[in-house]
Amino acid sequence: MLQIFALVMLSQTPLQPVAHGVASYYTVTSSSGVTSSGEVLDDATYTCAMPHGKFGSYYLVVAENGSSVLCRLNDRGPYTSGRVIDLSEAAMRRLDAGAELMRVKVYKIDLRRILDFFKLNFAGKK
């Protein structure tokens, strides 16, 4: 995840949390297996569910313990009061192998803007 922070810093994109609070996770066995975006839920991918946002957008989720993971939004939720994001099983395990709930901050990451920055500033340089 250090690479993502470096990209954000180099592109001069300010990071402001879009949500902070409790994260939970969901699995294929605990849900319908099909996401709101129409994708089949895959426990092994880094995806997430949030009440708002464009499907396919990326979010950096940073846990209180300092761990972080980059997730792609492909579902809606969570539907439990007090929770701000549902993570795939792989994403939650990346943050903390034993946690079922954890406090997090969530940041929207504009990958297109970051990639454009690198194309403009580093393309063709050796």
C-alpha atoms as a PDB file:
ATOM      1  CA  MET A   1       0.000   0.000   0.000  1.00  0.00           C
ATOM      2  CA  LEU A   2       2.972   2.297   0.365  1.00  0.00           C
ATOM      3  CA  GLN A   3       3.002   2.503  -3.432  1.00  0.00           C
ATOM      4  CA  ILE A   4      -0.537   3.925  -3.452  1.00  0.00           C
ATOM      5  CA  PHE A   5       0.398   6.579  -0.913  1.00  0.00           C
ATOM      6  CA  ALA A   6       3.462   7.454  -3.003  1.00  0.00           C
ATOM      7  CA  LEU A   7       1.302   7.798  -6.110  1.00  0.00           C
ATOM      8  CA  VAL A   8      -1.130  10.055  -4.312  1.00  0.00           C
ATOM      9  CA  MET A   9       1.660  12.181  -2.871  1.00  0.00           C
ATOM     10  CA  LEU A  10       3.428  12.522  -6.215  1.00  0.00           C
ATOM     11  CA  SER A  11       0.221  13.443  -8.007  1.00  0.00           C
ATOM     12  CA  GLN A  12      -0.507  16.079  -5.353  1.00  0.00           C
ATOM     13  CA  THR A  13      -4.006  14.699  -4.855  1.00  0.00           C
ATOM     14  CA  PRO A  14      -5.203  15.614  -1.362  1.00  0.00           C
ATOM     15  CA  LEU A  15      -6.575  12.670   0.581  1.00  0.00           C
ATOM     16  CA  GLN A  16      -9.733  13.415   2.500  1.00  0.00           C
ATOM     17  CA  PRO A  17     -11.761  10.577   4.000  1.00  0.00           C
ATOM     18  CA  VAL A  18     -15.160  10.034   2.405  1.00  0.00           C
ATOM     19  CA  ALA A  19     -16.218   7.868   5.354  1.00  0.00           C
ATOM     20  CA  HIS A  20     -14.942   6.747   8.707  1.00  0.00           C
ATOM     21  CA  GLY A  21     -16.398   4.255  11.101  1.00  0.00           C
ATOM     22  CA  VAL A  22     -16.859   0.508  11.352  1.00  0.00           C
ATOM     23  CA  ALA A  23     -16.046  -1.898   8.539  1.00  0.00           C
ATOM     24  CA  SER A  24     -17.403  -5.418   8.316  1.00  0.00           C
ATOM     25  CA  TYR A  25     -16.977  -8.128   5.724  1.00  0.00           C
ATOM     26  CA  TYR A  26     -19.175 -10.454   3.772  1.00  0.00           C
ATOM     27  CA  THR A  27     -18.556 -13.697   1.939  1.00  0.00           C
ATOM     28  CA  VAL A  28     -20.145 -15.748  -0.797  1.00  0.00           C
ATOM     29  CA  THR A  29     -21.738 -17.983   1.834  1.00  0.00           C
ATOM     30  CA  SER A  30     -23.173 -15.043   3.829  1.00  0.00           C
ATOM     31  CA  SER A  31     -24.720 -13.233   0.848  1.00  0.00           C
ATOM     32  CA  SER A  32     -26.561 -13.974  -2.362  1.00  0.00           C
ATOM     33  CA  GLY A  33     -23.274 -14.400  -4.230  1.00  0.00           C
ATOM     34  CA  VAL A  34     -24.204 -11.754  -6.810  1.00  0.00           C
ATOM     35  CA  THR A  35     -23.346  -8.100  -6.206  1.00  0.00           C
ATOM     36  CA  SER A  36     -25.502  -5.058  -6.974  1.00  0.00           C
ATOM     37  CA  SER A  37     -23.285  -4.356  -9.974  1.00  0.00           C
ATOM     38  CA  GLY A  38     -24.161  -7.782 -11.380  1.00  0.00           C
ATOM     39  CA  GLU A  39     -20.733  -9.307 -10.703  1.00  0.00           C
ATOM     40  CA  VAL A  40     -20.389 -12.631  -8.987  1.00  0.00           C
ATOM     41  CA  LEU A  41     -18.937 -12.067  -5.519  1.00  0.00           C
ATOM     42  CA  ASP A  42     -15.427 -13.468  -5.209  1.00  0.00           C
ATOM     43  CA  ASP A  43     -14.040 -13.844  -1.685  1.00  0.00           C
ATOM     44  CA  ALA A  44     -10.473 -13.724  -3.038  1.00  0.00           C
ATOM     45  CA  THR A  45     -10.661 -10.277  -4.664  1.00  0.00           C
ATOM     46  CA  TYR A  46     -10.299  -6.858  -3.048  1.00  0.00           C
ATOM     47  CA  THR A  47     -13.801  -5.454  -3.466  1.00  0.00           C
ATOM     48  CA  CYS A  48     -16.210  -3.524  -1.281  1.00  0.00           C
ATOM     49  CA  ALA A  49     -19.782  -2.405  -0.785  1.00  0.00           C
ATOM     50  CA  MET A  50     -20.810   1.141   0.080  1.00  0.00           C
ATOM     51  CA  PRO A  51     -24.191   2.905   0.035  1.00  0.00           C
ATOM     52  CA  HIS A  52     -23.073   5.434  -2.596  1.00  0.00           C
ATOM     53  CA  GLY A  53     -20.441   5.728  -5.293  1.00  0.00           C
ATOM     54  CA  LYS A  54     -19.901   4.652  -8.863  1.00  0.00           C
ATOM     55  CA  PHE A  55     -19.333   0.956  -9.427  1.00  0.00           C
ATOM     56  CA  GLY A  56     -15.739   0.396 -10.497  1.00  0.00           C
ATOM     57  CA  SER A  57     -14.407   3.255  -8.345  1.00  0.00           C
ATOM     58  CA  TYR A  58     -11.456   2.543  -6.084  1.00  0.00           C
ATOM     59  CA  TYR A  59     -11.271   3.190  -2.361  1.00  0.00           C
ATOM     60  CA  LEU A  60      -8.327   3.041  -0.012  1.00  0.00           C
ATOM     61  CA  VAL A  61      -9.402   1.555   3.314  1.00  0.00           C
ATOM     62  CA  VAL A  62      -7.059   2.286   6.229  1.00  0.00           C
ATOM     63  CA  ALA A  63      -7.537   0.440   9.511  1.00  0.00           C
ATOM     64  CA  GLU A  64      -6.698   1.869  12.938  1.00  0.00           C
ATOM     65  CA  ASN A  65      -3.812  -0.618  13.119  1.00  0.00           C
ATOM     66  CA  GLY A  66      -2.179   1.090  10.125  1.00  0.00           C
ATOM     67  CA  SER A  67      -2.930  -1.649   7.589  1.00  0.00           C
ATOM     68  CA  SER A  68      -4.500  -0.605   4.313  1.00  0.00           C
ATOM     69  CA  VAL A  69      -6.048  -2.143   1.232  1.00  0.00           C
ATOM     70  CA  LEU A  70      -7.221  -0.801  -2.123  1.00  0.00           C
ATOM     71  CA  CYS A  71     -10.717  -2.048  -3.017  1.00  0.00           C
ATOM     72  CA  ARG A  72     -12.953  -1.725  -6.057  1.00  0.00           C
ATOM     73  CA  LEU A  73     -16.596  -0.801  -5.398  1.00  0.00           C
ATOM     74  CA  ASN A  74     -18.920  -3.433  -6.839  1.00  0.00           C
ATOM     75  CA  ASP A  75     -21.807  -3.697  -4.387  1.00  0.00           C
ATOM     76  CA  ARG A  76     -24.186  -1.733  -2.155  1.00  0.00           C
ATOM     77  CA  GLY A  77     -24.263  -1.946   1.606  1.00  0.00           C
ATOM     78  CA  PRO A  78     -23.648  -2.313   4.423  1.00  0.00           C
ATOM     79  CA  TYR A  79     -27.196  -2.638   5.630  1.00  0.00           C
ATOM     80  CA  THR A  80     -26.342  -2.735   9.330  1.00  0.00           C
ATOM     81  CA  SER A  81     -26.644   0.531  11.228  1.00  0.00           C
ATOM     82  CA  GLY A  82     -23.348   2.111  12.236  1.00  0.00           C
ATOM     83  CA  ARG A  83     -21.220   0.476   9.530  1.00  0.00           C
ATOM     84  CA  VAL A  84     -19.681   2.459   6.675  1.00  0.00           C
ATOM     85  CA  ILE A  85     -18.263  -0.234   4.379  1.00  0.00           C
ATOM     86  CA  ASP A  86     -18.485  -3.965   3.750  1.00  0.00           C
ATOM     87  CA  LEU A  87     -15.270  -5.560   2.541  1.00  0.00           C
ATOM     88  CA  SER A  88     -14.697  -8.795   0.694  1.00  0.00           C
ATOM     89  CA  GLU A  89     -13.186 -11.533   2.819  1.00  0.00           C
ATOM     90  CA  ALA A  90      -9.747 -11.078   1.195  1.00  0.00           C
ATOM     91  CA  ALA A  91      -9.781  -7.325   1.846  1.00  0.00           C
ATOM     92  CA  MET A  92     -10.719  -7.774   5.503  1.00  0.00           C
ATOM     93  CA  ARG A  93      -8.058 -10.450   6.004  1.00  0.00           C
ATOM     94  CA  ARG A  94      -5.484  -8.090   4.444  1.00  0.00           C
ATOM     95  CA  LEU A  95      -6.321  -5.524   7.121  1.00  0.00           C
ATOM     96  CA  ASP A  96      -6.437  -7.981  10.027  1.00  0.00           C
ATOM     97  CA  ALA A  97      -6.533 -11.757   9.683  1.00  0.00           C
ATOM     98  CA  GLY A  98      -8.708 -12.307  12.749  1.00  0.00           C
ATOM     99  CA  ALA A  99     -11.052  -9.328  12.730  1.00  0.00           C
ATOM    100  CA  GLU A 100     -14.763  -9.409  12.030  1.00  0.00           C
ATOM    101  CA  LEU A 101     -15.283  -5.669  12.598  1.00  0.00           C
ATOM    102  CA  MET A 102     -12.783  -2.813  12.698  1.00  0.00           C
ATOM    103  CA  ARG A 103     -12.616   0.961  12.689  1.00  0.00           C
ATOM    104  CA  VAL A 104     -11.445   2.393   9.376  1.00  0.00           C
ATOM    105  CA  LYS A 105     -11.111   5.534   7.297  1.00  0.00           C
ATOM    106  CA  VAL A 106     -12.140   5.298   3.651  1.00  0.00           C
ATOM    107  CA  TYR A 107     -10.589   7.438   0.894  1.00  0.00           C
ATOM    108  CA  LYS A 108     -11.695   7.661  -2.725  1.00  0.00           C
ATOM    109  CA  ILE A 109      -8.739   7.159  -5.049  1.00  0.00           C
ATOM    110  CA  ASP A 110      -8.841   8.634  -8.550  1.00  0.00           C
ATOM    111  CA  LEU A 111      -6.612   6.130 -10.368  1.00  0.00           C
ATOM    112  CA  ARG A 112      -7.217   7.758 -13.758  1.00  0.00           C
ATOM    113  CA  ARG A 113      -5.874  11.093 -12.478  1.00  0.00           C
ATOM    114  CA  ILE A 114      -2.838   9.392 -10.929  1.00  0.00           C
ATOM    115  CA  LEU A 115      -2.093   7.433 -14.113  1.00  0.00           C
ATOM    116  CA  ASP A 116      -2.503  10.580 -16.236  1.00  0.00           C
ATOM    117  CA  PHE A 117      -0.041  12.373 -13.958  1.00  0.00           C
ATOM    118  CA  PHE A 118       2.558   9.673 -14.536  1.00  0.00           C
ATOM    119  CA  LYS A 119       1.967   9.633 -18.291  1.00  0.00           C
ATOM    120  CA  LEU A 120       2.499  13.391 -18.456  1.00  0.00           C
ATOM    121  CA  ASN A 121       5.491  13.537 -16.147  1.00  0.00           C
ATOM    122  CA  PHE A 122       7.384  10.307 -16.702  1.00  0.00           C
ATOM    123  CA  ALA A 123       6.449   8.933 -20.137  1.00  0.00           C
ATOM    124  CA  GLY A 124       9.511   8.305 -22.247  1.00  0.00           C
ATOM    125  CA  LYS A 125      12.000   9.405 -19.572  1.00  0.00           C
ATOM    126  CA  LYS A 126      14.925   7.109 -18.855  1.00  0.00           C
END
